[in-house]
Amino acid sequence: MRFHEAAHLLAEWMRSYGRFDLKDVADRKGVSKELEFLMTECYEMLYDDFNTAELEEFYTAQTEPKTDWFREALGRWF
Protein backbone atom coordinates (compact mmCIF):
# COMPACT_ATOMS: atom_id res chain seq x y z
CA MET A 1 0.00 0.00 0.00
CA ARG A 2 2.83 2.39 0.81
CA PHE A 3 4.43 1.75 -2.57
CA HIS A 4 1.18 2.60 -4.36
CA GLU A 5 0.80 5.74 -2.28
CA ALA A 6 4.31 6.83 -3.25
CA ALA A 7 3.60 6.08 -6.92
CA HIS A 8 0.40 8.12 -6.87
CA LEU A 9 2.16 10.94 -5.07
CA LEU A 10 4.87 11.04 -7.75
CA ALA A 11 2.25 10.95 -10.50
CA GLU A 12 0.32 13.85 -8.97
CA TRP A 13 3.53 15.83 -8.54
CA MET A 14 4.33 15.31 -12.22
CA ARG A 15 0.79 16.22 -13.27
CA SER A 16 0.99 19.46 -11.28
CA TYR A 17 4.37 20.35 -12.85
CA GLY A 18 6.06 20.18 -9.46
CA ARG A 19 3.80 22.66 -7.69
CA PHE A 20 4.28 21.11 -4.26
CA ASP A 21 7.22 19.95 -2.20
CA LEU A 22 7.27 16.28 -3.11
CA LYS A 23 9.84 15.21 -0.55
CA ASP A 24 8.10 17.05 2.28
CA VAL A 25 4.76 15.42 1.52
CA ALA A 26 6.44 12.01 1.19
CA ASP A 27 8.11 12.51 4.58
CA ARG A 28 4.80 13.40 6.22
CA LYS A 29 3.10 10.35 4.67
CA GLY A 30 6.01 8.08 5.59
CA VAL A 31 6.78 6.96 2.03
CA SER A 32 10.17 8.61 1.45
CA LYS A 33 12.07 5.38 0.78
CA GLU A 34 9.47 4.13 -1.67
CA LEU A 35 9.42 7.49 -3.43
CA GLU A 36 13.21 7.55 -3.74
CA PHE A 37 13.14 4.08 -5.30
CA LEU A 38 10.44 5.10 -7.81
CA MET A 39 12.24 8.30 -8.75
CA THR A 40 15.48 6.42 -9.38
CA GLU A 41 13.72 3.79 -11.50
CA CYS A 42 11.84 6.42 -13.54
CA TYR A 43 15.05 8.35 -14.12
CA GLU A 44 16.87 5.22 -15.30
CA MET A 45 13.95 4.23 -17.52
CA LEU A 46 13.94 7.59 -19.29
CA TYR A 47 17.66 7.40 -20.03
CA ASP A 48 17.42 3.83 -21.35
CA ASP A 49 17.60 4.22 -25.15
CA PHE A 50 15.85 0.91 -25.84
CA ASN A 51 12.95 1.88 -23.58
CA THR A 52 12.74 5.36 -25.09
CA ALA A 53 12.66 3.92 -28.62
CA GLU A 54 9.72 1.69 -27.66
CA LEU A 55 7.91 4.63 -26.10
CA GLU A 56 8.53 6.67 -29.25
CA GLU A 57 6.99 3.92 -31.38
CA PHE A 58 3.95 3.84 -29.12
CA TYR A 59 3.66 7.65 -29.21
CA THR A 60 3.96 7.73 -33.01
CA ALA A 61 1.29 5.06 -33.39
CA GLN A 62 -1.05 7.09 -31.18
CA THR A 63 -0.48 10.43 -32.95
CA GLU A 64 -0.37 9.43 -36.63
CA PRO A 65 -3.49 10.28 -38.59
CA LYS A 66 -5.78 7.28 -38.85
CA THR A 67 -6.89 6.14 -42.28
CA ASP A 68 -10.47 5.35 -42.96
CA TRP A 69 -10.01 1.59 -43.24
CA PHE A 70 -13.71 1.05 -43.96
CA ARG A 71 -13.63 3.39 -46.96
CA GLU A 72 -10.38 1.88 -48.19
CA ALA A 73 -11.75 -1.66 -47.93
CA LEU A 74 -15.09 -0.92 -49.61
CA GLY A 75 -14.17 2.10 -51.73
CA ARG A 76 -14.14 0.18 -54.99
CA TRP A 77 -17.84 -0.62 -54.59
CA PHE A 78 -19.00 2.86 -53.58
PDB file of N, CA and C in Angstrom:
ATOM      1  N   MET A   1       0.823  -1.201   0.000  1.00  0.00           N
ATOM      2  CA  MET A   1       0.000   0.000   0.000  1.00  0.00           C
ATOM      3  C   MET A   1       0.867   1.264   0.000  1.00  0.00           C
ATOM      4  N   ARG A   2       1.946   1.220   0.753  1.00  0.00           N
ATOM      5  CA  ARG A   2       2.833   2.393   0.810  1.00  0.00           C
ATOM      6  C   ARG A   2       3.469   2.667  -0.548  1.00  0.00           C
ATOM      7  N   PHE A   3       3.811   1.592  -1.258  1.00  0.00           N
ATOM      8  CA  PHE A   3       4.427   1.754  -2.567  1.00  0.00           C
ATOM      9  C   PHE A   3       3.456   2.425  -3.535  1.00  0.00           C
ATOM     10  N   HIS A   4       2.209   1.997  -3.503  1.00  0.00           N
ATOM     11  CA  HIS A   4       1.177   2.603  -4.361  1.00  0.00           C
ATOM     12  C   HIS A   4       0.963   4.065  -3.993  1.00  0.00           C
ATOM     13  N   GLU A   5       0.966   4.359  -2.724  1.00  0.00           N
ATOM     14  CA  GLU A   5       0.799   5.742  -2.285  1.00  0.00           C
ATOM     15  C   GLU A   5       1.946   6.611  -2.798  1.00  0.00           C
ATOM     16  N   ALA A   6       3.159   6.087  -2.746  1.00  0.00           N
ATOM     17  CA  ALA A   6       4.314   6.828  -3.251  1.00  0.00           C
ATOM     18  C   ALA A   6       4.209   7.020  -4.763  1.00  0.00           C
ATOM     19  N   ALA A   7       3.758   5.980  -5.465  1.00  0.00           N
ATOM     20  CA  ALA A   7       3.604   6.080  -6.918  1.00  0.00           C
ATOM     21  C   ALA A   7       2.563   7.129  -7.289  1.00  0.00           C
ATOM     22  N   HIS A   8       1.446   7.136  -6.587  1.00  0.00           N
ATOM     23  CA  HIS A   8       0.396   8.116  -6.867  1.00  0.00           C
ATOM     24  C   HIS A   8       0.857   9.525  -6.515  1.00  0.00           C
ATOM     25  N   LEU A   9       1.617   9.641  -5.468  1.00  0.00           N
ATOM     26  CA  LEU A   9       2.160  10.941  -5.073  1.00  0.00           C
ATOM     27  C   LEU A   9       3.087  11.477  -6.157  1.00  0.00           C
ATOM     28  N   LEU A  10       3.972  10.631  -6.674  1.00  0.00           N
ATOM     29  CA  LEU A  10       4.875  11.040  -7.749  1.00  0.00           C
ATOM     30  C   LEU A  10       4.097  11.427  -9.002  1.00  0.00           C
ATOM     31  N   ALA A  11       3.073  10.653  -9.328  1.00  0.00           N
ATOM     32  CA  ALA A  11       2.254  10.950 -10.502  1.00  0.00           C
ATOM     33  C   ALA A  11       1.549  12.300 -10.359  1.00  0.00           C
ATOM     34  N   GLU A  12       1.005  12.569  -9.182  1.00  0.00           N
ATOM     35  CA  GLU A  12       0.319  13.850  -8.969  1.00  0.00           C
ATOM     36  C   GLU A  12       1.299  15.016  -8.992  1.00  0.00           C
ATOM     37  N   TRP A  13       2.501  14.795  -8.502  1.00  0.00           N
ATOM     38  CA  TRP A  13       3.529  15.833  -8.535  1.00  0.00           C
ATOM     39  C   TRP A  13       3.891  16.151  -9.988  1.00  0.00           C
ATOM     40  N   MET A  14       4.018  15.106 -10.798  1.00  0.00           N
ATOM     41  CA  MET A  14       4.331  15.315 -12.216  1.00  0.00           C
ATOM     42  C   MET A  14       3.188  16.025 -12.923  1.00  0.00           C
ATOM     43  N   ARG A  15       1.967  15.611 -12.627  1.00  0.00           N
ATOM     44  CA  ARG A  15       0.795  16.222 -13.266  1.00  0.00           C
ATOM     45  C   ARG A  15       0.686  17.714 -12.920  1.00  0.00           C
ATOM     46  N   SER A  16       1.094  18.062 -11.706  1.00  0.00           N
ATOM     47  CA  SER A  16       0.989  19.461 -11.279  1.00  0.00           C
ATOM     48  C   SER A  16       2.219  20.285 -11.669  1.00  0.00           C
ATOM     49  N   TYR A  17       3.124  19.685 -12.442  1.00  0.00           N
ATOM     50  CA  TYR A  17       4.367  20.354 -12.851  1.00  0.00           C
ATOM     51  C   TYR A  17       5.191  20.781 -11.649  1.00  0.00           C
ATOM     52  N   GLY A  18       5.221  19.942 -10.625  1.00  0.00           N
ATOM     53  CA  GLY A  18       6.057  20.176  -9.456  1.00  0.00           C
ATOM     54  C   GLY A  18       5.604  21.320  -8.572  1.00  0.00           C
ATOM     55  N   ARG A  19       4.325  21.520  -8.449  1.00  0.00           N
ATOM     56  CA  ARG A  19       3.801  22.657  -7.685  1.00  0.00           C
ATOM     57  C   ARG A  19       3.709  22.427  -6.191  1.00  0.00           C
ATOM     58  N   PHE A  20       4.222  21.306  -5.706  1.00  0.00           N
ATOM     59  CA  PHE A  20       4.275  21.112  -4.262  1.00  0.00           C
ATOM     60  C   PHE A  20       5.588  20.421  -3.918  1.00  0.00           C
ATOM     61  N   ASP A  21       5.959  20.518  -2.673  1.00  0.00           N
ATOM     62  CA  ASP A  21       7.218  19.954  -2.204  1.00  0.00           C
ATOM     63  C   ASP A  21       7.043  18.443  -2.046  1.00  0.00           C
ATOM     64  N   LEU A  22       7.464  17.717  -3.051  1.00  0.00           N
ATOM     65  CA  LEU A  22       7.266  16.277  -3.109  1.00  0.00           C
ATOM     66  C   LEU A  22       7.908  15.554  -1.934  1.00  0.00           C
ATOM     67  N   LYS A  23       9.140  15.901  -1.634  1.00  0.00           N
ATOM     68  CA  LYS A  23       9.845  15.207  -0.550  1.00  0.00           C
ATOM     69  C   LYS A  23       9.227  15.500   0.816  1.00  0.00           C
ATOM     70  N   ASP A  24       8.743  16.713   1.002  1.00  0.00           N
ATOM     71  CA  ASP A  24       8.099  17.055   2.277  1.00  0.00           C
ATOM     72  C   ASP A  24       6.817  16.242   2.464  1.00  0.00           C
ATOM     73  N   VAL A  25       6.011  16.171   1.425  1.00  0.00           N
ATOM     74  CA  VAL A  25       4.759  15.417   1.516  1.00  0.00           C
ATOM     75  C   VAL A  25       5.059  13.932   1.721  1.00  0.00           C
ATOM     76  N   ALA A  26       6.065  13.413   1.022  1.00  0.00           N
ATOM     77  CA  ALA A  26       6.438  12.010   1.188  1.00  0.00           C
ATOM     78  C   ALA A  26       6.913  11.744   2.611  1.00  0.00           C
ATOM     79  N   ASP A  27       7.673  12.664   3.183  1.00  0.00           N
ATOM     80  CA  ASP A  27       8.114  12.515   4.577  1.00  0.00           C
ATOM     81  C   ASP A  27       6.920  12.449   5.522  1.00  0.00           C
ATOM     82  N   ARG A  28       5.975  13.363   5.335  1.00  0.00           N
ATOM     83  CA  ARG A  28       4.797  13.400   6.217  1.00  0.00           C
ATOM     84  C   ARG A  28       3.936  12.143   6.090  1.00  0.00           C
ATOM     85  N   LYS A  29       3.904  11.563   4.880  1.00  0.00           N
ATOM     86  CA  LYS A  29       3.101  10.351   4.667  1.00  0.00           C
ATOM     87  C   LYS A  29       3.889   9.083   5.006  1.00  0.00           C
ATOM     88  N   GLY A  30       5.183   9.230   5.239  1.00  0.00           N
ATOM     89  CA  GLY A  30       6.009   8.079   5.586  1.00  0.00           C
ATOM     90  C   GLY A  30       6.354   7.173   4.414  1.00  0.00           C
ATOM     91  N   VAL A  31       6.470   7.751   3.216  1.00  0.00           N
ATOM     92  CA  VAL A  31       6.777   6.960   2.029  1.00  0.00           C
ATOM     93  C   VAL A  31       8.044   7.445   1.317  1.00  0.00           C
ATOM     94  N   SER A  32       8.957   8.033   2.049  1.00  0.00           N
ATOM     95  CA  SER A  32      10.166   8.605   1.446  1.00  0.00           C
ATOM     96  C   SER A  32      11.031   7.559   0.750  1.00  0.00           C
ATOM     97  N   LYS A  33      11.226   6.411   1.374  1.00  0.00           N
ATOM     98  CA  LYS A  33      12.073   5.376   0.775  1.00  0.00           C
ATOM     99  C   LYS A  33      11.458   4.838  -0.510  1.00  0.00           C
ATOM    100  N   GLU A  34      10.161   4.621  -0.483  1.00  0.00           N
ATOM    101  CA  GLU A  34       9.471   4.131  -1.675  1.00  0.00           C
ATOM    102  C   GLU A  34       9.532   5.166  -2.800  1.00  0.00           C
ATOM    103  N   LEU A  35       9.353   6.423  -2.445  1.00  0.00           N
ATOM    104  CA  LEU A  35       9.418   7.489  -3.433  1.00  0.00           C
ATOM    105  C   LEU A  35      10.809   7.578  -4.043  1.00  0.00           C
ATOM    106  N   GLU A  36      11.833   7.492  -3.239  1.00  0.00           N
ATOM    107  CA  GLU A  36      13.207   7.550  -3.740  1.00  0.00           C
ATOM    108  C   GLU A  36      13.470   6.418  -4.728  1.00  0.00           C
ATOM    109  N   PHE A  37      12.993   5.218  -4.402  1.00  0.00           N
ATOM    110  CA  PHE A  37      13.139   4.080  -5.303  1.00  0.00           C
ATOM    111  C   PHE A  37      12.441   4.354  -6.636  1.00  0.00           C
ATOM    112  N   LEU A  38      11.202   4.819  -6.585  1.00  0.00           N
ATOM    113  CA  LEU A  38      10.445   5.097  -7.806  1.00  0.00           C
ATOM    114  C   LEU A  38      11.105   6.173  -8.649  1.00  0.00           C
ATOM    115  N   MET A  39      11.593   7.215  -8.009  1.00  0.00           N
ATOM    116  CA  MET A  39      12.243   8.298  -8.749  1.00  0.00           C
ATOM    117  C   MET A  39      13.499   7.801  -9.455  1.00  0.00           C
ATOM    118  N   THR A  40      14.266   6.964  -8.781  1.00  0.00           N
ATOM    119  CA  THR A  40      15.477   6.415  -9.382  1.00  0.00           C
ATOM    120  C   THR A  40      15.132   5.531 -10.574  1.00  0.00           C
ATOM    121  N   GLU A  41      14.126   4.686 -10.415  1.00  0.00           N
ATOM    122  CA  GLU A  41      13.720   3.788 -11.503  1.00  0.00           C
ATOM    123  C   GLU A  41      13.183   4.572 -12.696  1.00  0.00           C
ATOM    124  N   CYS A  42      12.383   5.598 -12.452  1.00  0.00           N
ATOM    125  CA  CYS A  42      11.842   6.422 -13.541  1.00  0.00           C
ATOM    126  C   CYS A  42      12.964   7.138 -14.281  1.00  0.00           C
ATOM    127  N   TYR A  43      13.917   7.667 -13.522  1.00  0.00           N
ATOM    128  CA  TYR A  43      15.054   8.351 -14.119  1.00  0.00           C
ATOM    129  C   TYR A  43      15.831   7.402 -15.023  1.00  0.00           C
ATOM    130  N   GLU A  44      16.125   6.206 -14.520  1.00  0.00           N
ATOM    131  CA  GLU A  44      16.875   5.217 -15.299  1.00  0.00           C
ATOM    132  C   GLU A  44      16.087   4.787 -16.536  1.00  0.00           C
ATOM    133  N   MET A  45      14.780   4.637 -16.398  1.00  0.00           N
ATOM    134  CA  MET A  45      13.947   4.226 -17.516  1.00  0.00           C
ATOM    135  C   MET A  45      13.986   5.269 -18.641  1.00  0.00           C
ATOM    136  N   LEU A  46      13.956   6.538 -18.286  1.00  0.00           N
ATOM    137  CA  LEU A  46      13.938   7.593 -19.293  1.00  0.00           C
ATOM    138  C   LEU A  46      15.277   7.750 -20.003  1.00  0.00           C
ATOM    139  N   TYR A  47      16.357   7.339 -19.386  1.00  0.00           N
ATOM    140  CA  TYR A  47      17.661   7.398 -20.027  1.00  0.00           C
ATOM    141  C   TYR A  47      18.057   6.086 -20.691  1.00  0.00           C
ATOM    142  N   ASP A  48      17.183   5.104 -20.686  1.00  0.00           N
ATOM    143  CA  ASP A  48      17.416   3.830 -21.351  1.00  0.00           C
ATOM    144  C   ASP A  48      16.969   3.990 -22.805  1.00  0.00           C
ATOM    145  N   ASP A  49      17.921   3.959 -23.738  1.00  0.00           N
ATOM    146  CA  ASP A  49      17.605   4.218 -25.147  1.00  0.00           C
ATOM    147  C   ASP A  49      16.639   3.192 -25.734  1.00  0.00           C
ATOM    148  N   PHE A  50      16.764   1.941 -25.346  1.00  0.00           N
ATOM    149  CA  PHE A  50      15.848   0.912 -25.844  1.00  0.00           C
ATOM    150  C   PHE A  50      14.420   1.215 -25.394  1.00  0.00           C
ATOM    151  N   ASN A  51      14.269   1.550 -24.136  1.00  0.00           N
ATOM    152  CA  ASN A  51      12.950   1.876 -23.582  1.00  0.00           C
ATOM    153  C   ASN A  51      12.370   3.107 -24.267  1.00  0.00           C
ATOM    154  N   THR A  52      13.198   4.120 -24.463  1.00  0.00           N
ATOM    155  CA  THR A  52      12.742   5.355 -25.090  1.00  0.00           C
ATOM    156  C   THR A  52      12.312   5.108 -26.530  1.00  0.00           C
ATOM    157  N   ALA A  53      13.035   4.238 -27.242  1.00  0.00           N
ATOM    158  CA  ALA A  53      12.657   3.917 -28.619  1.00  0.00           C
ATOM    159  C   ALA A  53      11.288   3.240 -28.659  1.00  0.00           C
ATOM    160  N   GLU A  54      11.032   2.333 -27.716  1.00  0.00           N
ATOM    161  CA  GLU A  54       9.724   1.688 -27.662  1.00  0.00           C
ATOM    162  C   GLU A  54       8.620   2.692 -27.347  1.00  0.00           C
ATOM    163  N   LEU A  55       8.900   3.601 -26.423  1.00  0.00           N
ATOM    164  CA  LEU A  55       7.911   4.626 -26.097  1.00  0.00           C
ATOM    165  C   LEU A  55       7.648   5.535 -27.294  1.00  0.00           C
ATOM    166  N   GLU A  56       8.694   5.835 -28.057  1.00  0.00           N
ATOM    167  CA  GLU A  56       8.528   6.675 -29.246  1.00  0.00           C
ATOM    168  C   GLU A  56       7.646   5.986 -30.281  1.00  0.00           C
ATOM    169  N   GLU A  57       7.835   4.676 -30.462  1.00  0.00           N
ATOM    170  CA  GLU A  57       6.986   3.924 -31.384  1.00  0.00           C
ATOM    171  C   GLU A  57       5.531   3.964 -30.940  1.00  0.00           C
ATOM    172  N   PHE A  58       5.305   3.789 -29.658  1.00  0.00           N
ATOM    173  CA  PHE A  58       3.946   3.842 -29.122  1.00  0.00           C
ATOM    174  C   PHE A  58       3.340   5.231 -29.334  1.00  0.00           C
ATOM    175  N   TYR A  59       4.116   6.270 -29.044  1.00  0.00           N
ATOM    176  CA  TYR A  59       3.657   7.651 -29.214  1.00  0.00           C
ATOM    177  C   TYR A  59       3.314   7.925 -30.672  1.00  0.00           C
ATOM    178  N   THR A  60       4.185   7.498 -31.585  1.00  0.00           N
ATOM    179  CA  THR A  60       3.957   7.726 -33.007  1.00  0.00           C
ATOM    180  C   THR A  60       2.695   7.023 -33.469  1.00  0.00           C
ATOM    181  N   ALA A  61       2.495   5.801 -33.011  1.00  0.00           N
ATOM    182  CA  ALA A  61       1.290   5.062 -33.393  1.00  0.00           C
ATOM    183  C   ALA A  61       0.026   5.755 -32.888  1.00  0.00           C
ATOM    184  N   GLN A  62       0.115   6.412 -31.756  1.00  0.00           N
ATOM    185  CA  GLN A  62      -1.050   7.093 -31.178  1.00  0.00           C
ATOM    186  C   GLN A  62      -1.329   8.423 -31.861  1.00  0.00           C
ATOM    187  N   THR A  63      -0.302   9.077 -32.419  1.00  0.00           N
ATOM    188  CA  THR A  63      -0.477  10.428 -32.945  1.00  0.00           C
ATOM    189  C   THR A  63      -0.573  10.499 -34.463  1.00  0.00           C
ATOM    190  N   GLU A  64      -0.264   9.412 -35.167  1.00  0.00           N
ATOM    191  CA  GLU A  64      -0.370   9.427 -36.627  1.00  0.00           C
ATOM    192  C   GLU A  64      -1.836   9.501 -37.036  1.00  0.00           C
ATOM    193  N   PRO A  65      -2.101  10.224 -38.120  1.00  0.00           N
ATOM    194  CA  PRO A  65      -3.490  10.284 -38.586  1.00  0.00           C
ATOM    195  C   PRO A  65      -3.984   8.887 -38.960  1.00  0.00           C
ATOM    196  N   LYS A  66      -5.193   8.590 -38.575  1.00  0.00           N
ATOM    197  CA  LYS A  66      -5.781   7.281 -38.855  1.00  0.00           C
ATOM    198  C   LYS A  66      -6.427   7.303 -40.237  1.00  0.00           C
ATOM    199  N   THR A  67      -6.244   6.232 -40.974  1.00  0.00           N
ATOM    200  CA  THR A  67      -6.888   6.143 -42.279  1.00  0.00           C
ATOM    201  C   THR A  67      -8.296   5.599 -42.079  1.00  0.00           C
ATOM    202  N   ASP A  68      -9.106   5.871 -43.007  1.00  0.00           N
ATOM    203  CA  ASP A  68     -10.472   5.355 -42.963  1.00  0.00           C
ATOM    204  C   ASP A  68     -10.459   3.964 -43.584  1.00  0.00           C
ATOM    205  N   TRP A  69     -10.184   2.957 -42.747  1.00  0.00           N
ATOM    206  CA  TRP A  69     -10.012   1.590 -43.240  1.00  0.00           C
ATOM    207  C   TRP A  69     -11.290   1.060 -43.887  1.00  0.00           C
ATOM    208  N   PHE A  70     -12.441   1.508 -43.391  1.00  0.00           N
ATOM    209  CA  PHE A  70     -13.706   1.048 -43.959  1.00  0.00           C
ATOM    210  C   PHE A  70     -13.848   1.542 -45.398  1.00  0.00           C
ATOM    211  N   ARG A  71     -13.536   2.812 -45.618  1.00  0.00           N
ATOM    212  CA  ARG A  71     -13.633   3.390 -46.959  1.00  0.00           C
ATOM    213  C   ARG A  71     -12.599   2.751 -47.890  1.00  0.00           C
ATOM    214  N   GLU A  72     -11.409   2.516 -47.377  1.00  0.00           N
ATOM    215  CA  GLU A  72     -10.376   1.883 -48.191  1.00  0.00           C
ATOM    216  C   GLU A  72     -10.791   0.461 -48.593  1.00  0.00           C
ATOM    217  N   ALA A  73     -11.368  -0.276 -47.662  1.00  0.00           N
ATOM    218  CA  ALA A  73     -11.755  -1.657 -47.929  1.00  0.00           C
ATOM    219  C   ALA A  73     -12.920  -1.751 -48.896  1.00  0.00           C
ATOM    220  N   LEU A  74     -13.864  -0.835 -48.797  1.00  0.00           N
ATOM    221  CA  LEU A  74     -15.088  -0.922 -49.609  1.00  0.00           C
ATOM    222  C   LEU A  74     -15.180   0.163 -50.683  1.00  0.00           C
ATOM    223  N   GLY A  75     -14.136   0.977 -50.814  1.00  0.00           N
ATOM    224  CA  GLY A  75     -14.168   2.104 -51.734  1.00  0.00           C
ATOM    225  C   GLY A  75     -14.411   1.725 -53.180  1.00  0.00           C
ATOM    226  N   ARG A  76     -13.953   0.561 -53.598  1.00  0.00           N
ATOM    227  CA  ARG A  76     -14.138   0.178 -54.990  1.00  0.00           C
ATOM    228  C   ARG A  76     -15.598  -0.094 -55.334  1.00  0.00           C
ATOM    229  N   TRP A  77     -16.437  -0.364 -54.334  1.00  0.00           N
ATOM    230  CA  TRP A  77     -17.841  -0.622 -54.588  1.00  0.00           C
ATOM    231  C   TRP A  77     -18.722   0.618 -54.419  1.00  0.00           C
ATOM    232  N   PHE A  78     -18.171   1.662 -53.821  1.00  0.00           N
ATOM    233  CA  PHE A  78     -18.997   2.858 -53.585  1.00  0.00           C
ATOM    234  C   PHE A  78     -18.466   4.038 -54.329  1.00  0.00           C
TER     235      PHE A  78
END
